[in-house]
Structure formats: structure tokens, C-alpha cells
């Protein structure tokens, strides 16, 4: 699978045609927003080199439901409330891949998951980070109230 791409470039990930995929900061931050099959693309990906994921979820499905639309390669977004996946579905699937939910945006449509959060490091602990890094590499440390050293 090939992840790195230009903003908005069309890629193929296994059986998925990804219309809009954003890959920023090397292997630190991955953001996906394709209005439909996001859940299935993330589920099929090897995420071992990614530290933070931002994905769009469907808040209309409710906070407790673990629902994801059936994979549809011909899906075209219609704003009828029946698209994508719920926050609980993303949280469960990404937990199985070693990520924990750390935040949602104020609009209630984007969720942020961190691989660091799955380690259950006590807040206030020191975490060794590279001496040369960028915001994507250090953001998870601050998300979890850890101290970069």
C-alpha cells in the first residue's frame, strides 16, 4: 500500500478508490475525509507508522451506536444522514489497531486518535522525543499531558 501523496491526489488502496486523502508530516499525522468509505479504508490500512489520525465521523448516528455503512465502491455522498460511520465504530476499530480517542472538534464531525494514548502513560510523565521534530511528532505528547524531553 502506498500512503504518501499530494493533497487531493486520487490513490488506490487495495479495493478502495480514495478521492481525498491527506497525509501530512511524514508518518506522524494522517487525516482522511472521503464522505462514506472512510471507516473501511482505515480498517484496511497498516497504521503502524502513524501516530495521530484525524477522521470524519457521522454524528447523526449518535454517540453510542457502533454503526458503519456497508462498503460501497460507487458511493456518492447524499446528505441524508446515512453515510460514513459513528464515532463509537471508529473508536472501537481504531482501539483494535492501538489508538485511543483523544479529542473531537467543536463541530462534532472530526475525531482525533493517538497511538500514544493506547499506552496508558500516566499524565505528567516524561517522554523522549527526537531532537528534530515537527508538530505532528510532538502533538500526541501534549494531547496526553506528557512532558517531552
C-alpha atoms as a PDB file:
ATOM      1  CA  UNK A   1       0.000   0.000   0.000  1.00  0.00           C
ATOM      2  CA  UNK A   2       1.246   3.493  -0.767  1.00  0.00           C
ATOM      3  CA  UNK A   3       0.154   6.311   1.530  1.00  0.00           C
ATOM      4  CA  UNK A   4       2.238   9.379   0.738  1.00  0.00           C
ATOM      5  CA  UNK A   5       0.548  11.612  -1.786  1.00  0.00           C
ATOM      6  CA  UNK A   6      -0.112  15.145  -2.880  1.00  0.00           C
ATOM      7  CA  UNK A   7      -3.074  16.931  -1.385  1.00  0.00           C
ATOM      8  CA  UNK A   8      -6.237  15.689  -3.092  1.00  0.00           C
ATOM      9  CA  UNK A   9      -4.455  13.153  -5.310  1.00  0.00           C
ATOM     10  CA  UNK A  10      -6.511  10.094  -6.254  1.00  0.00           C
ATOM     11  CA  UNK A  11      -4.953   6.911  -4.865  1.00  0.00           C
ATOM     12  CA  UNK A  12      -5.833   3.262  -4.810  1.00  0.00           C
ATOM     13  CA  UNK A  13      -5.647   1.376  -1.519  1.00  0.00           C
ATOM     14  CA  UNK A  14      -6.417  -2.244  -2.197  1.00  0.00           C
ATOM     15  CA  UNK A  15     -10.025  -2.210  -3.409  1.00  0.00           C
ATOM     16  CA  UNK A  16     -10.738   1.370  -2.306  1.00  0.00           C
ATOM     17  CA  UNK A  17     -10.600   4.404  -4.544  1.00  0.00           C
ATOM     18  CA  UNK A  18      -9.753   7.257  -2.248  1.00  0.00           C
ATOM     19  CA  UNK A  19     -10.993  10.599  -3.552  1.00  0.00           C
ATOM     20  CA  UNK A  20      -9.449  12.921  -0.978  1.00  0.00           C
ATOM     21  CA  UNK A  21      -6.658  11.708   1.253  1.00  0.00           C
ATOM     22  CA  UNK A  22      -4.368  13.950   3.213  1.00  0.00           C
ATOM     23  CA  UNK A  23      -1.054  12.716   4.512  1.00  0.00           C
ATOM     24  CA  UNK A  24       0.981  15.299   6.333  1.00  0.00           C
ATOM     25  CA  UNK A  25       4.166  15.304   8.436  1.00  0.00           C
ATOM     26  CA  UNK A  26       5.788  12.091   7.229  1.00  0.00           C
ATOM     27  CA  UNK A  27       4.422   9.255   9.390  1.00  0.00           C
ATOM     28  CA  UNK A  28       3.093  11.332  12.255  1.00  0.00           C
ATOM     29  CA  UNK A  29      -0.300  12.666  11.211  1.00  0.00           C
ATOM     30  CA  UNK A  30      -2.894  11.112   8.919  1.00  0.00           C
ATOM     31  CA  UNK A  31      -6.196  12.768   8.059  1.00  0.00           C
ATOM     32  CA  UNK A  32      -8.937  11.184   5.999  1.00  0.00           C
ATOM     33  CA  UNK A  33     -12.238  12.657   4.793  1.00  0.00           C
ATOM     34  CA  UNK A  34     -13.869  10.850   1.883  1.00  0.00           C
ATOM     35  CA  UNK A  35     -17.512  11.126   2.958  1.00  0.00           C
ATOM     36  CA  UNK A  36     -18.508   7.495   3.067  1.00  0.00           C
ATOM     37  CA  UNK A  37     -15.972   4.693   2.994  1.00  0.00           C
ATOM     38  CA  UNK A  38     -13.516   6.275   5.476  1.00  0.00           C
ATOM     39  CA  UNK A  39     -14.084   3.507   8.036  1.00  0.00           C
ATOM     40  CA  UNK A  40     -13.305   0.726   5.567  1.00  0.00           C
ATOM     41  CA  UNK A  41     -10.201   2.445   4.214  1.00  0.00           C
ATOM     42  CA  UNK A  42      -8.785   2.927   7.723  1.00  0.00           C
ATOM     43  CA  UNK A  43      -9.694  -0.631   8.669  1.00  0.00           C
ATOM     44  CA  UNK A  44      -7.749  -1.966   5.656  1.00  0.00           C
ATOM     45  CA  UNK A  45      -4.640   0.164   6.273  1.00  0.00           C
ATOM     46  CA  UNK A  46      -1.449  -0.698   8.101  1.00  0.00           C
ATOM     47  CA  UNK A  47      -1.279   2.167  10.604  1.00  0.00           C
ATOM     48  CA  UNK A  48       1.850   1.089  12.482  1.00  0.00           C
ATOM     49  CA  UNK A  49       3.907   4.124  11.404  1.00  0.00           C
ATOM     50  CA  UNK A  50       1.208   6.710  12.122  1.00  0.00           C
ATOM     51  CA  UNK A  51       0.951   8.478  15.496  1.00  0.00           C
ATOM     52  CA  UNK A  52      -2.163  10.651  15.119  1.00  0.00           C
ATOM     53  CA  UNK A  53      -5.262  10.095  12.982  1.00  0.00           C
ATOM     54  CA  UNK A  54      -7.968  12.626  12.197  1.00  0.00           C
ATOM     55  CA  UNK A  55     -11.104  11.177  10.639  1.00  0.00           C
ATOM     56  CA  UNK A  56     -14.550  12.477   9.883  1.00  0.00           C
ATOM     57  CA  UNK A  57     -17.389  10.635  11.604  1.00  0.00           C
ATOM     58  CA  UNK A  58     -21.160  10.848  11.241  1.00  0.00           C
ATOM     59  CA  UNK A  59     -22.515  12.472  14.403  1.00  0.00           C
ATOM     60  CA  UNK A  60     -26.101  11.870  13.230  1.00  0.00           C
ATOM     61  CA  UNK A  61     -25.644   8.160  14.024  1.00  0.00           C
ATOM     62  CA  UNK A  62     -25.496   9.004  17.740  1.00  0.00           C
ATOM     63  CA  UNK A  63     -22.796   8.830  20.411  1.00  0.00           C
ATOM     64  CA  UNK A  64     -23.376   5.232  21.484  1.00  0.00           C
ATOM     65  CA  UNK A  65     -24.156   3.392  18.254  1.00  0.00           C
ATOM     66  CA  UNK A  66     -21.389   1.342  16.668  1.00  0.00           C
ATOM     67  CA  UNK A  67     -22.572   1.703  13.074  1.00  0.00           C
ATOM     68  CA  UNK A  68     -20.725   1.889   9.757  1.00  0.00           C
ATOM     69  CA  UNK A  69     -22.273   1.995   6.323  1.00  0.00           C
ATOM     70  CA  UNK A  70     -21.670  -1.047   4.170  1.00  0.00           C
ATOM     71  CA  UNK A  71     -18.657  -0.620   1.889  1.00  0.00           C
ATOM     72  CA  UNK A  72     -19.817   0.784  -1.452  1.00  0.00           C
ATOM     73  CA  UNK A  73     -17.186   1.480  -4.149  1.00  0.00           C
ATOM     74  CA  UNK A  74     -19.751   3.551  -6.065  1.00  0.00           C
ATOM     75  CA  UNK A  75     -20.887   5.601  -3.069  1.00  0.00           C
ATOM     76  CA  UNK A  76     -21.855   9.205  -3.798  1.00  0.00           C
ATOM     77  CA  UNK A  77     -22.458  11.421  -0.799  1.00  0.00           C
ATOM     78  CA  UNK A  78     -26.051  12.492  -0.194  1.00  0.00           C
ATOM     79  CA  UNK A  79     -26.719  14.477   2.980  1.00  0.00           C
ATOM     80  CA  UNK A  80     -29.439  12.146   4.258  1.00  0.00           C
ATOM     81  CA  UNK A  81     -27.740  11.031   7.490  1.00  0.00           C
ATOM     82  CA  UNK A  82     -26.926   7.563   6.119  1.00  0.00           C
ATOM     83  CA  UNK A  83     -23.208   7.668   5.362  1.00  0.00           C
ATOM     84  CA  UNK A  84     -19.837   7.001   6.962  1.00  0.00           C
ATOM     85  CA  UNK A  85     -19.515   5.593  10.452  1.00  0.00           C
ATOM     86  CA  UNK A  86     -20.298   6.620  14.011  1.00  0.00           C
ATOM     87  CA  UNK A  87     -17.705   7.859  16.483  1.00  0.00           C
ATOM     88  CA  UNK A  88     -18.153   4.664  18.524  1.00  0.00           C
ATOM     89  CA  UNK A  89     -17.484   2.498  15.456  1.00  0.00           C
ATOM     90  CA  UNK A  90     -14.247   4.379  14.691  1.00  0.00           C
ATOM     91  CA  UNK A  91     -13.216   4.286  18.354  1.00  0.00           C
ATOM     92  CA  UNK A  92     -13.720   0.520  18.599  1.00  0.00           C
ATOM     93  CA  UNK A  93     -11.954  -0.253  15.307  1.00  0.00           C
ATOM     94  CA  UNK A  94      -9.006   2.061  15.978  1.00  0.00           C
ATOM     95  CA  UNK A  95      -8.631   0.737  19.536  1.00  0.00           C
ATOM     96  CA  UNK A  96      -8.032  -2.681  17.976  1.00  0.00           C
ATOM     97  CA  UNK A  97      -5.244  -1.039  15.950  1.00  0.00           C
ATOM     98  CA  UNK A  98      -3.643   0.538  19.042  1.00  0.00           C
ATOM     99  CA  UNK A  99      -5.194   4.036  19.006  1.00  0.00           C
ATOM    100  CA  UNK A 100      -7.274   5.863  21.571  1.00  0.00           C
ATOM    101  CA  UNK A 101      -9.690   8.740  21.115  1.00  0.00           C
ATOM    102  CA  UNK A 102      -8.172  11.995  22.402  1.00  0.00           C
ATOM    103  CA  UNK A 103     -10.449  14.757  21.080  1.00  0.00           C
ATOM    104  CA  UNK A 104     -13.263  15.753  18.754  1.00  0.00           C
ATOM    105  CA  UNK A 105     -13.568  19.141  17.079  1.00  0.00           C
ATOM    106  CA  UNK A 106     -16.188  21.692  18.102  1.00  0.00           C
ATOM    107  CA  UNK A 107     -18.370  20.908  15.072  1.00  0.00           C
ATOM    108  CA  UNK A 108     -18.702  17.285  16.180  1.00  0.00           C
ATOM    109  CA  UNK A 109     -17.562  15.851  12.863  1.00  0.00           C
ATOM    110  CA  UNK A 110     -13.826  15.165  13.213  1.00  0.00           C
ATOM    111  CA  UNK A 111     -12.214  12.865  15.747  1.00  0.00           C
ATOM    112  CA  UNK A 112      -8.555  12.675  16.714  1.00  0.00           C
ATOM    113  CA  UNK A 113      -6.944   9.400  17.744  1.00  0.00           C
ATOM    114  CA  UNK A 114      -3.474   8.887  19.149  1.00  0.00           C
ATOM    115  CA  UNK A 115      -1.296   5.785  19.209  1.00  0.00           C
ATOM    116  CA  UNK A 116       0.473   7.200  22.268  1.00  0.00           C
ATOM    117  CA  UNK A 117      -2.806   7.252  24.177  1.00  0.00           C
ATOM    118  CA  UNK A 118      -3.138   3.497  23.883  1.00  0.00           C
ATOM    119  CA  UNK A 119      -0.006   3.077  26.033  1.00  0.00           C
ATOM    120  CA  UNK A 120      -1.793   4.449  29.131  1.00  0.00           C
ATOM    121  CA  UNK A 121       1.192   6.537  30.234  1.00  0.00           C
ATOM    122  CA  UNK A 122       0.436   8.491  33.404  1.00  0.00           C
ATOM    123  CA  UNK A 123      -0.094  12.242  32.772  1.00  0.00           C
ATOM    124  CA  UNK A 124       2.955  14.282  33.767  1.00  0.00           C
ATOM    125  CA  UNK A 125       5.389  11.519  32.752  1.00  0.00           C
ATOM    126  CA  UNK A 126       8.411  12.409  30.643  1.00  0.00           C
ATOM    127  CA  UNK A 127       8.502  11.058  27.089  1.00  0.00           C
ATOM    128  CA  UNK A 128      11.641  11.034  24.942  1.00  0.00           C
ATOM    129  CA  UNK A 129      11.083  12.727  21.569  1.00  0.00           C
ATOM    130  CA  UNK A 130      13.501  13.263  18.670  1.00  0.00           C
ATOM    131  CA  UNK A 131      15.608  16.413  18.898  1.00  0.00           C
ATOM    132  CA  UNK A 132      14.412  17.398  15.420  1.00  0.00           C
ATOM    133  CA  UNK A 133      10.659  17.003  15.083  1.00  0.00           C
ATOM    134  CA  UNK A 134       7.548  18.787  13.877  1.00  0.00           C
ATOM    135  CA  UNK A 135       4.112  19.473  15.299  1.00  0.00           C
ATOM    136  CA  UNK A 136       2.812  16.054  14.176  1.00  0.00           C
ATOM    137  CA  UNK A 137       5.528  14.271  16.135  1.00  0.00           C
ATOM    138  CA  UNK A 138       5.106  16.184  19.363  1.00  0.00           C
ATOM    139  CA  UNK A 139       1.343  16.904  19.423  1.00  0.00           C
ATOM    140  CA  UNK A 140       0.411  13.483  20.885  1.00  0.00           C
ATOM    141  CA  UNK A 141       2.727  14.174  23.822  1.00  0.00           C
ATOM    142  CA  UNK A 142       0.832  17.367  24.663  1.00  0.00           C
ATOM    143  CA  UNK A 143      -2.591  15.779  23.985  1.00  0.00           C
ATOM    144  CA  UNK A 144      -1.884  13.356  26.829  1.00  0.00           C
ATOM    145  CA  UNK A 145      -0.432  15.916  29.277  1.00  0.00           C
ATOM    146  CA  UNK A 146       3.021  14.379  28.979  1.00  0.00           C
ATOM    147  CA  UNK A 147       6.361  16.178  29.132  1.00  0.00           C
ATOM    148  CA  UNK A 148       8.623  15.996  26.043  1.00  0.00           C
ATOM    149  CA  UNK A 149      12.341  15.568  26.793  1.00  0.00           C
END
